[in-house]
Amino acid sequence: RVLFRSVQAAKAADLAAKAEARAAKLKELDSLFSQRMGILWMPPEGDGLSVEVLIEMLPNGTISNTVVTRSSGDLAFDNSVLDALRTMGRIKEVEELDQETFNEVYRERRVTFQ
């Protein structure tokens, strides 16, 4: 039995495999980030609060800047998130991303904390 596969089909299969691997890696990194924030972040008492933060990161995973882009209205709550991010400091595993993925997803990212 002889099976023929076009070059285009092979390229499409390769692209699909790469996209799947990328999605899995991003899911893994997001999970890791959430786990670490779960350990580091001790929000003050308050129900229904949320804050959106722009997180800027370097290719080695260092958090280089954090900016509140939408405040919860509770300074202590907002600062608790910023303090936890400063304490985290770096997500070393981000280094494993290719440059294109890093630039698209992690260089600047808005995250909502509730």
PDB file of N, CA and C in Angstrom:
ATOM      1  N   ARG A   1       0.856  -1.178   0.000  1.00  0.00           N
ATOM      2  CA  ARG A   1       0.000   0.000   0.000  1.00  0.00           C
ATOM      3  C   ARG A   1       0.893   1.230   0.000  1.00  0.00           C
ATOM      4  N   VAL A   2       0.581   2.179  -0.832  1.00  0.00           N
ATOM      5  CA  VAL A   2       1.331   3.424  -0.932  1.00  0.00           C
ATOM      6  C   VAL A   2       0.404   4.574  -0.576  1.00  0.00           C
ATOM      7  N   LEU A   3       0.891   5.420   0.317  1.00  0.00           N
ATOM      8  CA  LEU A   3       0.102   6.577   0.716  1.00  0.00           C
ATOM      9  C   LEU A   3       0.824   7.835   0.277  1.00  0.00           C
ATOM     10  N   PHE A   4       0.103   8.692  -0.386  1.00  0.00           N
ATOM     11  CA  PHE A   4       0.667   9.956  -0.825  1.00  0.00           C
ATOM     12  C   PHE A   4       0.069  11.075   0.031  1.00  0.00           C
ATOM     13  N   ARG A   5       0.919  11.989   0.385  1.00  0.00           N
ATOM     14  CA  ARG A   5       0.466  13.154   1.123  1.00  0.00           C
ATOM     15  C   ARG A   5       1.047  14.384   0.455  1.00  0.00           C
ATOM     16  N   SER A   6       0.225  15.312   0.183  1.00  0.00           N
ATOM     17  CA  SER A   6       0.723  16.522  -0.461  1.00  0.00           C
ATOM     18  C   SER A   6       1.599  17.298   0.509  1.00  0.00           C
ATOM     19  N   VAL A   7       2.472  18.097  -0.037  1.00  0.00           N
ATOM     20  CA  VAL A   7       3.323  18.953   0.783  1.00  0.00           C
ATOM     21  C   VAL A   7       2.445  19.902   1.591  1.00  0.00           C
ATOM     22  N   GLN A   8       1.382  20.390   0.981  1.00  0.00           N
ATOM     23  CA  GLN A   8       0.488  21.308   1.689  1.00  0.00           C
ATOM     24  C   GLN A   8      -0.190  20.620   2.869  1.00  0.00           C
ATOM     25  N   ALA A   9      -0.587  19.366   2.685  1.00  0.00           N
ATOM     26  CA  ALA A   9      -1.219  18.634   3.782  1.00  0.00           C
ATOM     27  C   ALA A   9      -0.222  18.402   4.908  1.00  0.00           C
ATOM     28  N   ALA A  10       1.021  18.110   4.551  1.00  0.00           N
ATOM     29  CA  ALA A  10       2.054  17.905   5.567  1.00  0.00           C
ATOM     30  C   ALA A  10       2.315  19.205   6.328  1.00  0.00           C
ATOM     31  N   LYS A  11       2.366  20.311   5.601  1.00  0.00           N
ATOM     32  CA  LYS A  11       2.574  21.610   6.257  1.00  0.00           C
ATOM     33  C   LYS A  11       1.397  21.958   7.162  1.00  0.00           C
ATOM     34  N   ALA A  12       0.193  21.680   6.695  1.00  0.00           N
ATOM     35  CA  ALA A  12      -0.998  21.961   7.497  1.00  0.00           C
ATOM     36  C   ALA A  12      -0.992  21.123   8.771  1.00  0.00           C
ATOM     37  N   ALA A  13      -0.614  19.868   8.652  1.00  0.00           N
ATOM     38  CA  ALA A  13      -0.549  19.001   9.832  1.00  0.00           C
ATOM     39  C   ALA A  13       0.523  19.486  10.801  1.00  0.00           C
ATOM     40  N   ASP A  14       1.652  19.953  10.262  1.00  0.00           N
ATOM     41  CA  ASP A  14       2.729  20.471  11.101  1.00  0.00           C
ATOM     42  C   ASP A  14       2.286  21.736  11.826  1.00  0.00           C
ATOM     43  N   LEU A  15       1.608  22.629  11.114  1.00  0.00           N
ATOM     44  CA  LEU A  15       1.102  23.861  11.726  1.00  0.00           C
ATOM     45  C   LEU A  15       0.080  23.560  12.819  1.00  0.00           C
ATOM     46  N   ALA A  16      -0.784  22.589  12.555  1.00  0.00           N
ATOM     47  CA  ALA A  16      -1.789  22.213  13.550  1.00  0.00           C
ATOM     48  C   ALA A  16      -1.126  21.655  14.801  1.00  0.00           C
ATOM     49  N   ALA A  17      -0.100  20.836  14.618  1.00  0.00           N
ATOM     50  CA  ALA A  17       0.615  20.269  15.760  1.00  0.00           C
ATOM     51  C   ALA A  17       1.320  21.363  16.562  1.00  0.00           C
ATOM     52  N   LYS A  18       1.919  22.325  15.867  1.00  0.00           N
ATOM     53  CA  LYS A  18       2.590  23.432  16.551  1.00  0.00           C
ATOM     54  C   LYS A  18       1.589  24.295  17.312  1.00  0.00           C
ATOM     55  N   ALA A  19       0.436  24.555  16.722  1.00  0.00           N
ATOM     56  CA  ALA A  19      -0.594  25.363  17.381  1.00  0.00           C
ATOM     57  C   ALA A  19      -1.102  24.648  18.631  1.00  0.00           C
ATOM     58  N   GLU A  20      -1.263  23.351  18.540  1.00  0.00           N
ATOM     59  CA  GLU A  20      -1.716  22.572  19.694  1.00  0.00           C
ATOM     60  C   GLU A  20      -0.675  22.600  20.813  1.00  0.00           C
ATOM     61  N   ALA A  21       0.589  22.453  20.454  1.00  0.00           N
ATOM     62  CA  ALA A  21       1.666  22.500  21.457  1.00  0.00           C
ATOM     63  C   ALA A  21       1.745  23.882  22.096  1.00  0.00           C
ATOM     64  N   ARG A  22       1.574  24.920  21.291  1.00  0.00           N
ATOM     65  CA  ARG A  22       1.607  26.298  21.809  1.00  0.00           C
ATOM     66  C   ARG A  22       0.469  26.513  22.792  1.00  0.00           C
ATOM     67  N   ALA A  23      -0.726  26.082  22.424  1.00  0.00           N
ATOM     68  CA  ALA A  23      -1.884  26.251  23.302  1.00  0.00           C
ATOM     69  C   ALA A  23      -1.677  25.510  24.619  1.00  0.00           C
ATOM     70  N   ALA A  24      -1.110  24.326  24.561  1.00  0.00           N
ATOM     71  CA  ALA A  24      -0.849  23.547  25.773  1.00  0.00           C
ATOM     72  C   ALA A  24       0.172  24.256  26.658  1.00  0.00           C
ATOM     73  N   LYS A  25       1.211  24.823  26.063  1.00  0.00           N
ATOM     74  CA  LYS A  25       2.243  25.531  26.826  1.00  0.00           C
ATOM     75  C   LYS A  25       1.661  26.777  27.485  1.00  0.00           C
ATOM     76  N   LEU A  26       0.842  27.525  26.759  1.00  0.00           N
ATOM     77  CA  LEU A  26       0.230  28.730  27.317  1.00  0.00           C
ATOM     78  C   LEU A  26      -0.708  28.374  28.464  1.00  0.00           C
ATOM     79  N   LYS A  27      -1.456  27.297  28.316  1.00  0.00           N
ATOM     80  CA  LYS A  27      -2.348  26.842  29.382  1.00  0.00           C
ATOM     81  C   LYS A  27      -1.535  26.455  30.619  1.00  0.00           C
ATOM     82  N   GLU A  28      -0.417  25.777  30.403  1.00  0.00           N
ATOM     83  CA  GLU A  28       0.467  25.386  31.495  1.00  0.00           C
ATOM     84  C   GLU A  28       1.022  26.619  32.225  1.00  0.00           C
ATOM     85  N   LEU A  29       1.477  27.609  31.470  1.00  0.00           N
ATOM     86  CA  LEU A  29       2.021  28.833  32.073  1.00  0.00           C
ATOM     87  C   LEU A  29       0.948  29.612  32.828  1.00  0.00           C
ATOM     88  N   ASP A  30      -0.250  29.706  32.263  1.00  0.00           N
ATOM     89  CA  ASP A  30      -1.336  30.404  32.947  1.00  0.00           C
ATOM     90  C   ASP A  30      -1.701  29.694  34.249  1.00  0.00           C
ATOM     91  N   SER A  31      -1.698  28.380  34.218  1.00  0.00           N
ATOM     92  CA  SER A  31      -1.984  27.603  35.421  1.00  0.00           C
ATOM     93  C   SER A  31      -0.909  27.826  36.484  1.00  0.00           C
ATOM     94  N   LEU A  32       0.335  27.824  36.048  1.00  0.00           N
ATOM     95  CA  LEU A  32       1.456  28.064  36.953  1.00  0.00           C
ATOM     96  C   LEU A  32       1.350  29.459  37.580  1.00  0.00           C
ATOM     97  N   PHE A  33       1.030  30.461  36.764  1.00  0.00           N
ATOM     98  CA  PHE A  33       0.851  31.825  37.250  1.00  0.00           C
ATOM     99  C   PHE A  33      -0.258  31.869  38.303  1.00  0.00           C
ATOM    100  N   SER A  34      -1.385  31.237  38.005  1.00  0.00           N
ATOM    101  CA  SER A  34      -2.522  31.227  38.932  1.00  0.00           C
ATOM    102  C   SER A  34      -2.161  30.539  40.245  1.00  0.00           C
ATOM    103  N   GLN A  35      -1.442  29.437  40.166  1.00  0.00           N
ATOM    104  CA  GLN A  35      -1.019  28.721  41.375  1.00  0.00           C
ATOM    105  C   GLN A  35      -0.125  29.601  42.235  1.00  0.00           C
ATOM    106  N   ARG A  36       0.838  30.242  41.617  1.00  0.00           N
ATOM    107  CA  ARG A  36       1.766  31.098  42.373  1.00  0.00           C
ATOM    108  C   ARG A  36       1.052  32.297  42.977  1.00  0.00           C
ATOM    109  N   MET A  37       0.136  32.900  42.224  1.00  0.00           N
ATOM    110  CA  MET A  37      -0.623  34.025  42.778  1.00  0.00           C
ATOM    111  C   MET A  37      -1.512  33.545  43.924  1.00  0.00           C
ATOM    112  N   GLY A  38      -2.030  32.338  43.818  1.00  0.00           N
ATOM    113  CA  GLY A  38      -2.849  31.781  44.886  1.00  0.00           C
ATOM    114  C   GLY A  38      -2.083  31.653  46.187  1.00  0.00           C
ATOM    115  N   ILE A  39      -0.798  31.423  46.088  1.00  0.00           N
ATOM    116  CA  ILE A  39       0.060  31.316  47.275  1.00  0.00           C
ATOM    117  C   ILE A  39       0.459  32.696  47.785  1.00  0.00           C
ATOM    118  N   LEU A  40       0.805  33.592  46.870  1.00  0.00           N
ATOM    119  CA  LEU A  40       1.357  34.896  47.242  1.00  0.00           C
ATOM    120  C   LEU A  40       0.322  35.966  47.573  1.00  0.00           C
ATOM    121  N   TRP A  41      -0.847  35.897  46.961  1.00  0.00           N
ATOM    122  CA  TRP A  41      -1.823  36.978  47.089  1.00  0.00           C
ATOM    123  C   TRP A  41      -2.757  36.729  48.253  1.00  0.00           C
ATOM    124  N   MET A  42      -2.736  37.638  49.177  1.00  0.00           N
ATOM    125  CA  MET A  42      -3.628  37.599  50.332  1.00  0.00           C
ATOM    126  C   MET A  42      -4.531  38.830  50.263  1.00  0.00           C
ATOM    127  N   PRO A  43      -5.643  38.730  49.522  1.00  0.00           N
ATOM    128  CA  PRO A  43      -6.501  39.908  49.378  1.00  0.00           C
ATOM    129  C   PRO A  43      -7.157  40.274  50.703  1.00  0.00           C
ATOM    130  N   PRO A  44      -7.337  41.569  50.939  1.00  0.00           N
ATOM    131  CA  PRO A  44      -8.055  41.996  52.137  1.00  0.00           C
ATOM    132  C   PRO A  44      -9.528  41.607  52.015  1.00  0.00           C
ATOM    133  N   GLU A  45     -10.213  41.667  53.122  1.00  0.00           N
ATOM    134  CA  GLU A  45     -11.648  41.349  53.126  1.00  0.00           C
ATOM    135  C   GLU A  45     -12.401  42.272  52.173  1.00  0.00           C
ATOM    136  N   GLY A  46     -13.366  41.712  51.505  1.00  0.00           N
ATOM    137  CA  GLY A  46     -14.194  42.497  50.599  1.00  0.00           C
ATOM    138  C   GLY A  46     -14.815  41.586  49.561  1.00  0.00           C
ATOM    139  N   ASP A  47     -16.076  41.759  49.320  1.00  0.00           N
ATOM    140  CA  ASP A  47     -16.787  40.913  48.369  1.00  0.00           C
ATOM    141  C   ASP A  47     -16.977  41.628  47.040  1.00  0.00           C
ATOM    142  N   GLY A  48     -16.859  40.875  45.988  1.00  0.00           N
ATOM    143  CA  GLY A  48     -17.169  41.384  44.664  1.00  0.00           C
ATOM    144  C   GLY A  48     -16.166  42.358  44.073  1.00  0.00           C
ATOM    145  N   LEU A  49     -14.987  42.464  44.672  1.00  0.00           N
ATOM    146  CA  LEU A  49     -13.990  43.396  44.144  1.00  0.00           C
ATOM    147  C   LEU A  49     -13.203  42.745  43.014  1.00  0.00           C
ATOM    148  N   SER A  50     -12.819  43.557  42.048  1.00  0.00           N
ATOM    149  CA  SER A  50     -11.912  43.085  41.000  1.00  0.00           C
ATOM    150  C   SER A  50     -11.069  44.257  40.522  1.00  0.00           C
ATOM    151  N   VAL A  51      -9.851  43.941  40.135  1.00  0.00           N
ATOM    152  CA  VAL A  51      -8.921  44.945  39.635  1.00  0.00           C
ATOM    153  C   VAL A  51      -8.263  44.393  38.379  1.00  0.00           C
ATOM    154  N   GLU A  52      -8.090  45.247  37.379  1.00  0.00           N
ATOM    155  CA  GLU A  52      -7.400  44.838  36.157  1.00  0.00           C
ATOM    156  C   GLU A  52      -6.003  45.455  36.182  1.00  0.00           C
ATOM    157  N   VAL A  53      -5.009  44.625  35.907  1.00  0.00           N
ATOM    158  CA  VAL A  53      -3.619  45.062  35.951  1.00  0.00           C
ATOM    159  C   VAL A  53      -2.941  44.735  34.630  1.00  0.00           C
ATOM    160  N   LEU A  54      -2.207  45.706  34.104  1.00  0.00           N
ATOM    161  CA  LEU A  54      -1.353  45.474  32.948  1.00  0.00           C
ATOM    162  C   LEU A  54      -0.016  44.993  33.499  1.00  0.00           C
ATOM    163  N   ILE A  55       0.384  43.794  33.082  1.00  0.00           N
ATOM    164  CA  ILE A  55       1.653  43.214  33.524  1.00  0.00           C
ATOM    165  C   ILE A  55       2.603  43.234  32.334  1.00  0.00           C
ATOM    166  N   GLU A  56       3.737  43.892  32.503  1.00  0.00           N
ATOM    167  CA  GLU A  56       4.771  43.920  31.470  1.00  0.00           C
ATOM    168  C   GLU A  56       5.880  42.979  31.909  1.00  0.00           C
ATOM    169  N   MET A  57       6.358  42.183  30.958  1.00  0.00           N
ATOM    170  CA  MET A  57       7.309  41.148  31.285  1.00  0.00           C
ATOM    171  C   MET A  57       8.471  41.152  30.298  1.00  0.00           C
ATOM    172  N   LEU A  58       9.632  40.760  30.781  1.00  0.00           N
ATOM    173  CA  LEU A  58      10.817  40.588  29.938  1.00  0.00           C
ATOM    174  C   LEU A  58      10.867  39.152  29.426  1.00  0.00           C
ATOM    175  N   PRO A  59      11.606  38.901  28.340  1.00  0.00           N
ATOM    176  CA  PRO A  59      11.663  37.550  27.781  1.00  0.00           C
ATOM    177  C   PRO A  59      12.157  36.469  28.751  1.00  0.00           C
ATOM    178  N   ASN A  60      12.880  36.867  29.798  1.00  0.00           N
ATOM    179  CA  ASN A  60      13.336  35.868  30.771  1.00  0.00           C
ATOM    180  C   ASN A  60      12.296  35.603  31.852  1.00  0.00           C
ATOM    181  N   GLY A  61      11.102  36.210  31.715  1.00  0.00           N
ATOM    182  CA  GLY A  61      10.010  35.976  32.656  1.00  0.00           C
ATOM    183  C   GLY A  61       9.941  36.964  33.802  1.00  0.00           C
ATOM    184  N   THR A  62      10.861  37.923  33.844  1.00  0.00           N
ATOM    185  CA  THR A  62      10.851  38.928  34.902  1.00  0.00           C
ATOM    186  C   THR A  62       9.691  39.899  34.692  1.00  0.00           C
ATOM    187  N   ILE A  63       8.924  40.116  35.750  1.00  0.00           N
ATOM    188  CA  ILE A  63       7.854  41.110  35.702  1.00  0.00           C
ATOM    189  C   ILE A  63       8.517  42.469  35.855  1.00  0.00           C
ATOM    190  N   SER A  64       8.504  43.248  34.781  1.00  0.00           N
ATOM    191  CA  SER A  64       9.241  44.511  34.772  1.00  0.00           C
ATOM    192  C   SER A  64       8.396  45.706  35.192  1.00  0.00           C
ATOM    193  N   ASN A  65       7.068  45.589  35.071  1.00  0.00           N
ATOM    194  CA  ASN A  65       6.208  46.708  35.428  1.00  0.00           C
ATOM    195  C   ASN A  65       4.790  46.208  35.625  1.00  0.00           C
ATOM    196  N   THR A  66       4.086  46.833  36.541  1.00  0.00           N
ATOM    197  CA  THR A  66       2.670  46.534  36.750  1.00  0.00           C
ATOM    198  C   THR A  66       1.930  47.858  36.890  1.00  0.00           C
ATOM    199  N   VAL A  67       0.783  47.954  36.228  1.00  0.00           N
ATOM    200  CA  VAL A  67      -0.010  49.178  36.262  1.00  0.00           C
ATOM    201  C   VAL A  67      -1.476  48.795  36.421  1.00  0.00           C
ATOM    202  N   VAL A  68      -2.138  49.415  37.381  1.00  0.00           N
ATOM    203  CA  VAL A  68      -3.578  49.210  37.531  1.00  0.00           C
ATOM    204  C   VAL A  68      -4.265  49.941  36.390  1.00  0.00           C
ATOM    205  N   THR A  69      -4.997  49.200  35.564  1.00  0.00           N
ATOM    206  CA  THR A  69      -5.707  49.804  34.431  1.00  0.00           C
ATOM    207  C   THR A  69      -7.191  50.000  34.736  1.00  0.00           C
ATOM    208  N   ARG A  70      -7.705  49.253  35.711  1.00  0.00           N
ATOM    209  CA  ARG A  70      -9.088  49.442  36.182  1.00  0.00           C
ATOM    210  C   ARG A  70      -9.103  49.091  37.658  1.00  0.00           C
ATOM    211  N   SER A  71      -9.224  50.084  38.461  1.00  0.00           N
ATOM    212  CA  SER A  71      -9.184  49.918  39.914  1.00  0.00           C
ATOM    213  C   SER A  71     -10.461  49.268  40.440  1.00  0.00           C
ATOM    214  N   SER A  72     -10.300  48.595  41.552  1.00  0.00           N
ATOM    215  CA  SER A  72     -11.457  48.020  42.243  1.00  0.00           C
ATOM    216  C   SER A  72     -12.193  49.095  43.034  1.00  0.00           C
ATOM    217  N   GLY A  73     -11.518  50.229  43.236  1.00  0.00           N
ATOM    218  CA  GLY A  73     -12.063  51.275  44.085  1.00  0.00           C
ATOM    219  C   GLY A  73     -11.598  51.122  45.525  1.00  0.00           C
ATOM    220  N   ASP A  74     -10.888  50.041  45.791  1.00  0.00           N
ATOM    221  CA  ASP A  74     -10.365  49.765  47.135  1.00  0.00           C
ATOM    222  C   ASP A  74      -8.841  49.708  47.029  1.00  0.00           C
ATOM    223  N   LEU A  75      -8.175  50.744  47.508  1.00  0.00           N
ATOM    224  CA  LEU A  75      -6.728  50.860  47.374  1.00  0.00           C
ATOM    225  C   LEU A  75      -5.994  49.668  47.990  1.00  0.00           C
ATOM    226  N   ALA A  76      -6.460  49.193  49.141  1.00  0.00           N
ATOM    227  CA  ALA A  76      -5.809  48.051  49.794  1.00  0.00           C
ATOM    228  C   ALA A  76      -5.902  46.803  48.920  1.00  0.00           C
ATOM    229  N   PHE A  77      -7.045  46.599  48.288  1.00  0.00           N
ATOM    230  CA  PHE A  77      -7.229  45.446  47.401  1.00  0.00           C
ATOM    231  C   PHE A  77      -6.291  45.560  46.196  1.00  0.00           C
ATOM    232  N   ASP A  78      -6.286  46.714  45.553  1.00  0.00           N
ATOM    233  CA  ASP A  78      -5.423  46.930  44.385  1.00  0.00           C
ATOM    234  C   ASP A  78      -3.957  46.717  44.755  1.00  0.00           C
ATOM    235  N   ASN A  79      -3.541  47.307  45.869  1.00  0.00           N
ATOM    236  CA  ASN A  79      -2.141  47.180  46.290  1.00  0.00           C
ATOM    237  C   ASN A  79      -1.768  45.750  46.669  1.00  0.00           C
ATOM    238  N   SER A  80      -2.725  44.976  47.160  1.00  0.00           N
ATOM    239  CA  SER A  80      -2.426  43.587  47.513  1.00  0.00           C
ATOM    240  C   SER A  80      -2.039  42.786  46.271  1.00  0.00           C
ATOM    241  N   VAL A  81      -2.678  43.097  45.148  1.00  0.00           N
ATOM    242  CA  VAL A  81      -2.333  42.434  43.887  1.00  0.00           C
ATOM    243  C   VAL A  81      -0.940  42.869  43.430  1.00  0.00           C
ATOM    244  N   LEU A  82      -0.694  44.169  43.439  1.00  0.00           N
ATOM    245  CA  LEU A  82       0.613  44.685  43.006  1.00  0.00           C
ATOM    246  C   LEU A  82       1.735  44.139  43.881  1.00  0.00           C
ATOM    247  N   ASP A  83       1.495  44.050  45.186  1.00  0.00           N
ATOM    248  CA  ASP A  83       2.503  43.502  46.099  1.00  0.00           C
ATOM    249  C   ASP A  83       2.801  42.040  45.784  1.00  0.00           C
ATOM    250  N   ALA A  84       1.764  41.265  45.512  1.00  0.00           N
ATOM    251  CA  ALA A  84       1.951  39.847  45.179  1.00  0.00           C
ATOM    252  C   ALA A  84       2.733  39.692  43.873  1.00  0.00           C
ATOM    253  N   LEU A  85       2.446  40.532  42.895  1.00  0.00           N
ATOM    254  CA  LEU A  85       3.170  40.476  41.627  1.00  0.00           C
ATOM    255  C   LEU A  85       4.641  40.854  41.816  1.00  0.00           C
ATOM    256  N   ARG A  86       4.894  41.857  42.647  1.00  0.00           N
ATOM    257  CA  ARG A  86       6.285  42.239  42.940  1.00  0.00           C
ATOM    258  C   ARG A  86       7.010  41.098  43.643  1.00  0.00           C
ATOM    259  N   THR A  87       6.333  40.450  44.563  1.00  0.00           N
ATOM    260  CA  THR A  87       6.929  39.326  45.281  1.00  0.00           C
ATOM    261  C   THR A  87       7.221  38.171  44.336  1.00  0.00           C
ATOM    262  N   MET A  88       6.303  37.898  43.412  1.00  0.00           N
ATOM    263  CA  MET A  88       6.526  36.827  42.441  1.00  0.00           C
ATOM    264  C   MET A  88       7.777  37.142  41.622  1.00  0.00           C
ATOM    265  N   GLY A  89       7.855  38.366  41.129  1.00  0.00           N
ATOM    266  CA  GLY A  89       9.055  38.837  40.449  1.00  0.00           C
ATOM    267  C   GLY A  89       9.361  38.244  39.102  1.00  0.00           C
ATOM    268  N   ARG A  90       9.228  36.937  38.979  1.00  0.00           N
ATOM    269  CA  ARG A  90       9.637  36.280  37.739  1.00  0.00           C
ATOM    270  C   ARG A  90       8.922  34.947  37.582  1.00  0.00           C
ATOM    271  N   ILE A  91       8.591  34.638  36.348  1.00  0.00           N
ATOM    272  CA  ILE A  91       8.078  33.313  36.000  1.00  0.00           C
ATOM    273  C   ILE A  91       9.104  32.726  35.038  1.00  0.00           C
ATOM    274  N   LYS A  92      10.058  32.003  35.586  1.00  0.00           N
ATOM    275  CA  LYS A  92      11.196  31.506  34.827  1.00  0.00           C
ATOM    276  C   LYS A  92      10.777  30.701  33.592  1.00  0.00           C
ATOM    277  N   GLU A  93       9.691  29.973  33.701  1.00  0.00           N
ATOM    278  CA  GLU A  93       9.235  29.106  32.617  1.00  0.00           C
ATOM    279  C   GLU A  93       8.871  29.865  31.350  1.00  0.00           C
ATOM    280  N   VAL A  94       8.653  31.170  31.453  1.00  0.00           N
ATOM    281  CA  VAL A  94       8.347  31.998  30.275  1.00  0.00           C
ATOM    282  C   VAL A  94       9.516  31.979  29.292  1.00  0.00           C
ATOM    283  N   GLU A  95      10.724  31.773  29.796  1.00  0.00           N
ATOM    284  CA  GLU A  95      11.911  31.696  28.930  1.00  0.00           C
ATOM    285  C   GLU A  95      11.771  30.637  27.837  1.00  0.00           C
ATOM    286  N   GLU A  96      10.961  29.624  28.104  1.00  0.00           N
ATOM    287  CA  GLU A  96      10.811  28.505  27.169  1.00  0.00           C
ATOM    288  C   GLU A  96       9.986  28.867  25.935  1.00  0.00           C
ATOM    289  N   LEU A  97       9.318  30.003  25.965  1.00  0.00           N
ATOM    290  CA  LEU A  97       8.485  30.412  24.825  1.00  0.00           C
ATOM    291  C   LEU A  97       9.354  30.937  23.689  1.00  0.00           C
ATOM    292  N   ASP A  98       8.887  30.718  22.461  1.00  0.00           N
ATOM    293  CA  ASP A  98       9.565  31.337  21.336  1.00  0.00           C
ATOM    294  C   ASP A  98       9.244  32.831  21.360  1.00  0.00           C
ATOM    295  N   GLN A  99      10.075  33.625  20.718  1.00  0.00           N
ATOM    296  CA  GLN A  99       9.962  35.087  20.761  1.00  0.00           C
ATOM    297  C   GLN A  99       8.598  35.586  20.283  1.00  0.00           C
ATOM    298  N   GLU A 100       8.093  34.998  19.216  1.00  0.00           N
ATOM    299  CA  GLU A 100       6.810  35.439  18.665  1.00  0.00           C
ATOM    300  C   GLU A 100       5.670  35.229  19.665  1.00  0.00           C
ATOM    301  N   THR A 101       5.624  34.058  20.272  1.00  0.00           N
ATOM    302  CA  THR A 101       4.576  33.768  21.249  1.00  0.00           C
ATOM    303  C   THR A 101       4.707  34.680  22.459  1.00  0.00           C
ATOM    304  N   PHE A 102       5.939  34.855  22.937  1.00  0.00           N
ATOM    305  CA  PHE A 102       6.157  35.748  24.074  1.00  0.00           C
ATOM    306  C   PHE A 102       5.636  37.146  23.765  1.00  0.00           C
ATOM    307  N   ASN A 103       6.012  37.687  22.603  1.00  0.00           N
ATOM    308  CA  ASN A 103       5.591  39.045  22.238  1.00  0.00           C
ATOM    309  C   ASN A 103       4.076  39.164  22.119  1.00  0.00           C
ATOM    310  N   GLU A 104       3.429  38.135  21.574  1.00  0.00           N
ATOM    311  CA  GLU A 104       1.979  38.172  21.374  1.00  0.00           C
ATOM    312  C   GLU A 104       1.203  38.045  22.680  1.00  0.00           C
ATOM    313  N   VAL A 105       1.731  37.241  23.617  1.00  0.00           N
ATOM    314  CA  VAL A 105       0.928  36.878  24.776  1.00  0.00           C
ATOM    315  C   VAL A 105       1.437  37.452  26.095  1.00  0.00           C
ATOM    316  N   TYR A 106       2.733  37.467  26.308  1.00  0.00           N
ATOM    317  CA  TYR A 106       3.244  37.785  27.635  1.00  0.00           C
ATOM    318  C   TYR A 106       3.983  39.115  27.784  1.00  0.00           C
ATOM    319  N   ARG A 107       4.445  39.711  26.718  1.00  0.00           N
ATOM    320  CA  ARG A 107       5.198  40.963  26.870  1.00  0.00           C
ATOM    321  C   ARG A 107       4.351  42.003  27.608  1.00  0.00           C
ATOM    322  N   GLU A 108       3.112  42.173  27.180  1.00  0.00           N
ATOM    323  CA  GLU A 108       2.147  43.042  27.865  1.00  0.00           C
ATOM    324  C   GLU A 108       0.835  42.280  27.927  1.00  0.00           C
ATOM    325  N   ARG A 109       0.357  42.115  29.159  1.00  0.00           N
ATOM    326  CA  ARG A 109      -0.863  41.316  29.316  1.00  0.00           C
ATOM    327  C   ARG A 109      -1.740  41.918  30.406  1.00  0.00           C
ATOM    328  N   ARG A 110      -3.008  42.059  30.096  1.00  0.00           N
ATOM    329  CA  ARG A 110      -3.966  42.544  31.085  1.00  0.00           C
ATOM    330  C   ARG A 110      -4.576  41.335  31.791  1.00  0.00           C
ATOM    331  N   VAL A 111      -4.583  41.402  33.110  1.00  0.00           N
ATOM    332  CA  VAL A 111      -5.114  40.311  33.918  1.00  0.00           C
ATOM    333  C   VAL A 111      -6.074  40.898  34.938  1.00  0.00           C
ATOM    334  N   THR A 112      -7.220  40.253  35.106  1.00  0.00           N
ATOM    335  CA  THR A 112      -8.205  40.670  36.105  1.00  0.00           C
ATOM    336  C   THR A 112      -8.093  39.759  37.317  1.00  0.00           C
ATOM    337  N   PHE A 113      -8.011  40.379  38.474  1.00  0.00           N
ATOM    338  CA  PHE A 113      -7.936  39.661  39.748  1.00  0.00           C
ATOM    339  C   PHE A 113      -9.218  39.913  40.512  1.00  0.00           C
ATOM    340  N   GLN A 114      -9.842  38.832  41.009  1.00  0.00           N
ATOM    341  CA  GLN A 114     -11.115  38.950  41.739  1.00  0.00           C
ATOM    342  C   GLN A 114     -11.000  38.272  43.084  1.00  0.00           C
TER     343      GLN A 114
END
